[in-house]
Amino acid sequence: MAFHSLPVLYSTPLAAAVADFVSTHYDLPGSIECMLLLRGWNDTFEVRTKDGERFVFRISKRRARGDADVASETAFLAYLDGRDIPVAAAVPTRDGSLFTSALFPEGQRPAVLFRYAEGRPSQAGSSSADARANGVTLARIHDVAGGFAAADKGRYRLDRDHLLHRPLSWILALEGLSETVRTGLVDLTERLSAGLARRDGLSWTRCHGDCHGYNANIALQGPRAGQAVFFDFDNGGSGFLAYDLAAFLHCCVLFERKQHRFWHAFIEGYRTIRELPHEDFEAVHLFVPIRHLWFVGEYASRIHEWGRQAVPADWIAAQLDFVLSWEKEKLVAGLL
């Protein structure tokens, strides 16, 4: 019987192989141990040195939007770290680069070794103190982002095309959607896009892109005790400040949650650091459904890897109902 090799869409490396790769490319003391943390949007591994120092090694996965923008991401983290903003910055390789790449059966994939964000996981959906700490750190990031933006050559702009139109195209490519759902999604996207176009004077900044309250650890000791140390910047880029805020509110109301008090604590923390323009604050409610369509589009773009049943048509219909309910409650007067 003849055996044929099949092309690979996505492969997961062995932890021992990752340990060898990290030892080769990074100047870490002694032998290291490696363990797979999560196989999902990316592959992440915990790396420990012999003396107990911890790191996180992330291997980016391919996405429909294009290659991971690790050059801009790691440069921004280095910039923030240099200004004493609490972030898990990238560790330079032996040759001084902030990232590298590894060869897989499916091709080259970017890889980054990050400092470990010491502390406990943020519980911003159940702790007002943690929500407030997340708001403080995001405000500090926005406060200094202007100094980075001039030199930023980021691959992505978190604009209407990135947040609305491309995600819509991925959702509409799914099989099994009813014509009612398809029409509803198209009409909704047009209304949200037009509503955003009518918003004048919205601030533009370098966004974290995924500040939902859980991409942070709360430092427990040292000069940063109580602060939210941010990580997971790979959805970031230049974009609307209101969108960066809306990611947190979206998480507070997603899947029928009603965690508004933590949203208020988050904004209270943000405002202790910097003023929040009225136009940006008022636009946050518009960006919640925009964020949700982006979120659903991310899932839809992965069906070739996860399988068609991972994103069923009835789930898409339920997400449309959620957004339409939000629009009816929060946005009708502003959109019409």
Protein backbone atom coordinates (compact mmCIF):
# COMPACT_ATOMS: atom_id res chain seq x y z
CA MET A 1 0.00 0.00 0.00
CA ALA A 2 1.33 3.42 -0.95
CA PHE A 3 1.32 6.11 1.72
CA HIS A 4 0.92 9.72 0.73
CA SER A 5 1.84 12.77 2.73
CA LEU A 6 -1.03 15.23 3.12
CA PRO A 7 -0.47 19.01 3.27
CA VAL A 8 -0.96 20.45 6.76
CA LEU A 9 -3.14 23.45 7.57
CA TYR A 10 -2.05 23.71 11.20
CA SER A 11 0.32 21.71 13.40
CA THR A 12 1.15 21.81 17.11
CA PRO A 13 4.80 21.43 18.16
CA LEU A 14 5.99 19.18 20.96
CA ALA A 15 6.85 21.05 24.15
CA ALA A 16 10.31 19.45 24.20
CA ALA A 17 11.00 20.73 20.69
CA VAL A 18 9.87 24.21 21.74
CA ALA A 19 12.26 24.06 24.70
CA ASP A 20 15.15 23.24 22.35
CA PHE A 21 14.12 26.06 20.00
CA VAL A 22 13.97 28.60 22.83
CA SER A 23 17.35 27.47 24.22
CA THR A 24 18.89 27.89 20.77
CA HIS A 25 17.48 31.34 20.05
CA TYR A 26 17.45 32.95 23.51
CA ASP A 27 20.16 33.50 26.09
CA LEU A 28 18.46 31.89 29.07
CA PRO A 29 20.53 30.42 31.90
CA GLY A 30 20.89 26.65 32.09
CA SER A 31 18.34 24.07 31.02
CA ILE A 32 14.70 25.03 30.59
CA GLU A 33 11.35 23.32 30.91
CA CYS A 34 8.42 23.96 28.61
CA MET A 35 4.70 23.21 28.85
CA LEU A 36 1.83 23.90 26.45
CA LEU A 37 -0.54 26.46 28.00
CA LEU A 38 -3.12 26.95 25.28
CA ARG A 39 -3.79 25.81 21.75
CA GLY A 40 -6.25 28.31 20.36
CA TRP A 41 -5.92 31.64 18.59
CA ASN A 42 -2.17 31.11 18.99
CA ASP A 43 -0.05 28.39 20.55
CA THR A 44 1.35 29.52 23.90
CA PHE A 45 3.87 27.72 26.09
CA GLU A 46 5.13 28.41 29.57
CA VAL A 47 8.93 28.39 29.75
CA ARG A 48 10.75 27.98 33.07
CA THR A 49 14.47 28.24 33.69
CA LYS A 50 16.33 26.11 36.20
CA ASP A 51 16.23 28.93 38.76
CA GLY A 52 12.43 29.28 38.42
CA GLU A 53 12.21 32.35 36.16
CA ARG A 54 9.10 32.20 33.97
CA PHE A 55 8.35 33.31 30.42
CA VAL A 56 5.60 32.82 27.85
CA PHE A 57 6.51 31.71 24.34
CA ARG A 58 3.87 32.46 21.71
CA ILE A 59 3.79 30.97 18.23
CA SER A 60 1.38 32.91 16.07
CA LYS A 61 -1.20 31.12 13.97
CA ARG A 62 -2.22 32.24 10.52
CA ARG A 63 -5.41 34.27 10.33
CA ALA A 64 -7.65 35.30 7.50
CA ARG A 65 -6.72 38.95 8.02
CA GLY A 66 -3.07 38.19 7.25
CA ASP A 67 0.21 37.49 9.01
CA ALA A 68 0.67 38.47 12.64
CA ASP A 69 2.06 41.97 13.04
CA VAL A 70 4.75 41.00 15.52
CA ALA A 71 7.20 43.70 14.42
CA SER A 72 4.87 46.55 15.36
CA GLU A 73 3.46 44.72 18.39
CA THR A 74 6.83 43.98 20.01
CA ALA A 75 8.18 47.46 19.19
CA PHE A 76 5.15 49.01 20.90
CA LEU A 77 5.64 46.81 23.96
CA ALA A 78 9.30 47.84 24.17
CA TYR A 79 8.22 51.48 23.91
CA LEU A 80 5.67 51.06 26.72
CA ASP A 81 8.12 49.16 28.89
CA GLY A 82 10.63 51.96 28.48
CA ARG A 83 8.05 54.37 29.87
CA ASP A 84 7.35 52.19 32.91
CA ILE A 85 3.92 51.06 31.70
CA PRO A 86 3.14 47.63 33.21
CA VAL A 87 3.26 45.25 30.23
CA ALA A 88 4.78 41.86 29.47
CA ALA A 89 7.41 42.98 26.98
CA ALA A 90 9.25 40.74 24.52
CA VAL A 91 12.63 39.24 25.41
CA PRO A 92 15.29 39.85 22.74
CA THR A 93 16.78 36.89 20.91
CA ARG A 94 20.51 36.20 20.98
CA ASP A 95 20.95 38.52 17.99
CA GLY A 96 18.87 41.32 19.57
CA SER A 97 15.63 40.88 17.62
CA LEU A 98 12.33 41.14 19.49
CA PHE A 99 10.87 38.17 17.60
CA THR A 100 11.87 35.23 15.48
CA SER A 101 10.14 32.57 13.39
CA ALA A 102 9.91 28.80 13.32
CA LEU A 103 9.45 26.50 10.34
CA PHE A 104 6.39 24.23 10.45
CA PRO A 105 4.92 21.86 7.87
CA GLU A 106 2.47 24.64 6.98
CA GLY A 107 5.25 27.24 6.63
CA GLN A 108 7.01 29.86 8.71
CA ARG A 109 5.21 31.08 11.85
CA PRO A 110 6.32 34.12 13.91
CA ALA A 111 7.36 33.44 17.49
CA VAL A 112 7.94 35.70 20.50
CA LEU A 113 9.26 35.07 24.01
CA PHE A 114 7.54 37.35 26.52
CA ARG A 115 8.38 38.16 30.08
CA TYR A 116 5.89 36.54 32.42
CA ALA A 117 3.32 38.96 33.87
CA GLU A 118 3.82 38.15 37.54
CA GLY A 119 0.77 38.20 39.79
CA ARG A 120 -2.67 36.62 39.79
CA PRO A 121 -5.15 36.55 36.89
CA SER A 122 -7.33 39.62 36.59
CA GLN A 123 -10.96 39.09 37.61
CA ALA A 124 -12.34 42.26 36.07
CA GLY A 125 -15.81 40.72 35.65
CA SER A 126 -16.19 40.08 39.37
CA SER A 127 -13.90 42.61 41.06
CA SER A 128 -14.38 46.36 40.84
CA ALA A 129 -10.78 46.84 41.99
CA ASP A 130 -9.47 44.72 39.12
CA ALA A 131 -11.74 46.45 36.62
CA ARG A 132 -10.49 49.81 37.85
CA ALA A 133 -6.86 48.65 37.59
CA ASN A 134 -7.47 47.63 33.96
CA GLY A 135 -8.87 51.08 33.23
CA VAL A 136 -5.83 52.74 34.79
CA THR A 137 -3.34 50.74 32.72
CA LEU A 138 -5.23 51.29 29.47
CA ALA A 139 -5.34 55.03 30.16
CA ARG A 140 -1.60 55.05 30.79
CA ILE A 141 -1.07 53.29 27.46
CA HIS A 142 -3.25 55.82 25.62
CA ASP A 143 -1.51 58.65 27.45
CA VAL A 144 1.87 57.81 25.91
CA ALA A 145 0.74 56.18 22.66
CA GLY A 146 1.12 59.39 20.68
CA GLY A 147 4.89 59.21 21.10
CA PHE A 148 4.95 55.86 19.32
CA ALA A 149 2.38 56.50 16.61
CA ALA A 150 4.56 58.76 14.46
CA ALA A 151 7.08 55.98 13.82
CA ASP A 152 4.59 53.11 13.77
CA LYS A 153 4.52 51.12 10.55
CA GLY A 154 1.87 48.69 11.76
CA ARG A 155 0.30 46.22 9.37
CA TYR A 156 -3.27 46.84 10.54
CA ARG A 157 -5.52 49.80 11.09
CA LEU A 158 -8.55 49.12 13.27
CA ASP A 159 -10.85 51.02 10.94
CA ARG A 160 -14.28 50.32 9.48
CA ASP A 161 -12.92 47.89 6.93
CA HIS A 162 -11.03 45.88 9.54
CA LEU A 163 -13.79 45.92 12.17
CA LEU A 164 -16.89 45.61 9.99
CA HIS A 165 -16.54 44.84 6.32
CA ARG A 166 -13.94 42.08 6.35
CA PRO A 167 -15.59 40.26 9.29
CA LEU A 168 -18.92 40.47 7.46
CA SER A 169 -17.41 38.82 4.39
CA TRP A 170 -16.13 35.91 6.52
CA ILE A 171 -19.55 35.46 8.17
CA LEU A 172 -21.43 35.55 4.87
CA ALA A 173 -19.11 32.85 3.49
CA LEU A 174 -20.54 30.37 6.02
CA GLU A 175 -22.94 27.75 4.70
CA GLY A 176 -26.43 27.32 6.05
CA LEU A 177 -27.27 30.93 6.84
CA SER A 178 -30.86 31.83 6.04
CA GLU A 179 -31.57 34.72 3.69
CA THR A 180 -33.17 36.55 6.62
CA VAL A 181 -29.95 36.32 8.62
CA ARG A 182 -27.79 37.27 5.63
CA THR A 183 -29.93 40.30 4.87
CA GLY A 184 -30.03 41.25 8.54
CA LEU A 185 -26.23 41.13 8.81
CA VAL A 186 -25.70 43.19 5.66
CA ASP A 187 -28.26 45.81 6.68
CA LEU A 188 -26.89 46.00 10.22
CA THR A 189 -23.33 46.44 8.99
CA GLU A 190 -24.42 49.24 6.66
CA ARG A 191 -26.21 51.03 9.53
CA LEU A 192 -23.23 50.69 11.87
CA SER A 193 -20.80 51.82 9.18
CA ALA A 194 -22.96 54.85 8.35
CA GLY A 195 -23.40 55.66 12.03
CA LEU A 196 -19.65 55.57 12.55
CA ALA A 197 -19.05 57.75 9.47
CA ARG A 198 -21.30 60.40 10.98
CA ARG A 199 -19.28 60.57 14.20
CA ASP A 200 -17.02 63.58 14.00
CA GLY A 201 -13.91 64.16 16.07
CA LEU A 202 -13.32 60.63 17.36
CA SER A 203 -9.84 60.16 18.83
CA TRP A 204 -7.33 57.88 17.15
CA THR A 205 -4.67 56.06 19.17
CA ARG A 206 -2.54 52.95 19.34
CA CYS A 207 -5.00 50.35 20.65
CA HIS A 208 -4.39 47.30 22.78
CA GLY A 209 -7.22 45.84 20.70
CA ASP A 210 -8.42 43.22 23.18
CA CYS A 211 -8.72 44.91 26.57
CA HIS A 212 -11.63 42.84 27.87
CA GLY A 213 -10.35 42.66 31.44
CA TYR A 214 -8.67 39.26 31.36
CA ASN A 215 -5.58 39.98 29.27
CA ALA A 216 -3.87 41.13 32.44
CA ASN A 217 -2.46 39.88 35.71
CA ILE A 218 -2.72 41.88 38.92
CA ALA A 219 0.71 42.39 40.47
CA LEU A 220 0.84 41.24 44.09
CA GLN A 221 4.13 42.67 45.30
CA GLY A 222 6.80 45.23 44.59
CA PRO A 223 6.29 48.79 43.30
CA ARG A 224 3.55 47.63 40.91
CA ALA A 225 1.42 45.87 43.52
CA GLY A 226 -2.26 46.26 42.63
CA GLN A 227 -1.54 47.32 39.04
CA ALA A 228 -2.87 45.47 35.98
CA VAL A 229 0.05 44.15 33.94
CA PHE A 230 -1.14 43.83 30.33
CA PHE A 231 -0.30 41.17 27.78
CA ASP A 232 -1.80 39.78 24.54
CA PHE A 233 -1.41 42.79 22.24
CA ASP A 234 -1.63 40.82 19.00
CA ASN A 235 -5.04 42.25 18.07
CA GLY A 236 -3.72 45.78 18.48
CA GLY A 237 -2.91 48.53 16.05
CA SER A 238 -3.79 52.10 15.25
CA GLY A 239 -7.50 52.62 15.74
CA PHE A 240 -10.40 54.35 17.43
CA LEU A 241 -9.88 55.06 21.12
CA ALA A 242 -13.58 54.38 21.70
CA TYR A 243 -13.18 50.90 20.24
CA ASP A 244 -10.39 50.11 22.71
CA LEU A 245 -12.76 51.08 25.54
CA ALA A 246 -15.69 49.21 24.02
CA ALA A 247 -13.84 45.90 24.19
CA PHE A 248 -14.25 46.01 27.97
CA LEU A 249 -17.93 46.99 27.90
CA HIS A 250 -18.60 44.32 25.28
CA CYS A 251 -17.19 41.68 27.64
CA CYS A 252 -19.41 43.01 30.45
CA VAL A 253 -22.59 42.41 28.41
CA LEU A 254 -21.55 39.44 26.23
CA PHE A 255 -23.61 36.23 26.53
CA GLU A 256 -26.35 37.92 28.56
CA ARG A 257 -23.98 39.18 31.24
CA LYS A 258 -25.06 42.28 33.12
CA GLN A 259 -21.79 43.47 34.65
CA HIS A 260 -22.26 47.19 34.21
CA ARG A 261 -20.84 48.10 37.62
CA PHE A 262 -17.47 46.76 36.52
CA TRP A 263 -17.67 48.87 33.36
CA HIS A 264 -18.23 51.93 35.56
CA ALA A 265 -15.25 50.96 37.73
CA PHE A 266 -13.12 50.53 34.59
CA ILE A 267 -14.04 53.99 33.29
CA GLU A 268 -13.54 55.51 36.73
CA GLY A 269 -10.01 54.11 36.76
CA TYR A 270 -9.36 55.37 33.24
CA ARG A 271 -10.43 58.88 34.17
CA THR A 272 -8.05 59.04 37.12
CA ILE A 273 -5.22 59.11 34.57
CA ARG A 274 -6.51 61.06 31.61
CA GLU A 275 -9.51 63.00 30.40
CA LEU A 276 -11.95 61.07 28.24
CA PRO A 277 -13.42 63.28 25.50
CA HIS A 278 -17.22 63.34 25.45
CA GLU A 279 -17.36 62.30 21.78
CA ASP A 280 -15.29 59.18 22.45
CA PHE A 281 -17.29 58.18 25.52
CA GLU A 282 -20.59 58.60 23.68
CA ALA A 283 -19.30 56.46 20.79
CA VAL A 284 -18.51 53.47 23.01
CA HIS A 285 -22.08 52.15 22.76
CA LEU A 286 -21.80 52.22 18.96
CA PHE A 287 -18.56 50.23 19.08
CA VAL A 288 -20.05 47.41 21.19
CA PRO A 289 -21.99 45.90 18.23
CA ILE A 290 -19.05 46.69 15.95
CA ARG A 291 -16.83 44.76 18.34
CA HIS A 292 -19.32 41.90 18.36
CA LEU A 293 -19.37 41.59 14.59
CA TRP A 294 -15.57 41.59 14.58
CA PHE A 295 -15.66 38.89 17.28
CA VAL A 296 -18.08 36.69 15.31
CA GLY A 297 -16.05 37.27 12.14
CA GLU A 298 -12.92 36.00 13.88
CA TYR A 299 -14.70 32.73 14.61
CA ALA A 300 -16.12 32.51 11.11
CA SER A 301 -12.66 33.00 9.59
CA ARG A 302 -11.40 29.85 11.38
CA ILE A 303 -13.78 27.21 10.02
CA HIS A 304 -11.13 25.77 7.69
CA GLU A 305 -9.12 24.95 10.80
CA TRP A 306 -11.81 24.33 13.41
CA GLY A 307 -14.45 22.77 11.20
CA ARG A 308 -17.85 23.94 9.98
CA GLN A 309 -19.68 22.66 13.04
CA ALA A 310 -17.63 24.96 15.29
CA VAL A 311 -19.55 27.98 13.93
CA PRO A 312 -23.12 26.76 13.29
CA ALA A 313 -25.71 28.85 11.49
CA ASP A 314 -28.05 28.99 14.50
CA TRP A 315 -25.24 30.46 16.62
CA ILE A 316 -24.72 33.18 14.01
CA ALA A 317 -28.46 33.93 14.07
CA ALA A 318 -28.33 34.25 17.87
CA GLN A 319 -25.42 36.71 17.62
CA LEU A 320 -27.40 38.80 15.16
CA ASP A 321 -30.30 38.87 17.63
CA PHE A 322 -27.95 40.07 20.38
CA VAL A 323 -26.65 42.93 18.26
CA LEU A 324 -30.11 43.94 17.05
CA SER A 325 -31.33 44.04 20.65
CA TRP A 326 -28.40 46.26 21.62
CA GLU A 327 -29.06 48.50 18.64
CA LYS A 328 -32.73 48.85 19.54
CA GLU A 329 -31.99 49.62 23.20
CA LYS A 330 -28.92 51.84 22.88
CA LEU A 331 -28.51 53.17 19.36
CA VAL A 332 -31.73 53.73 17.43
CA ALA A 333 -31.93 57.44 18.11
CA GLY A 334 -28.30 57.95 17.14
CA LEU A 335 -28.35 55.84 13.99
CA LEU A 336 -31.56 56.95 12.36
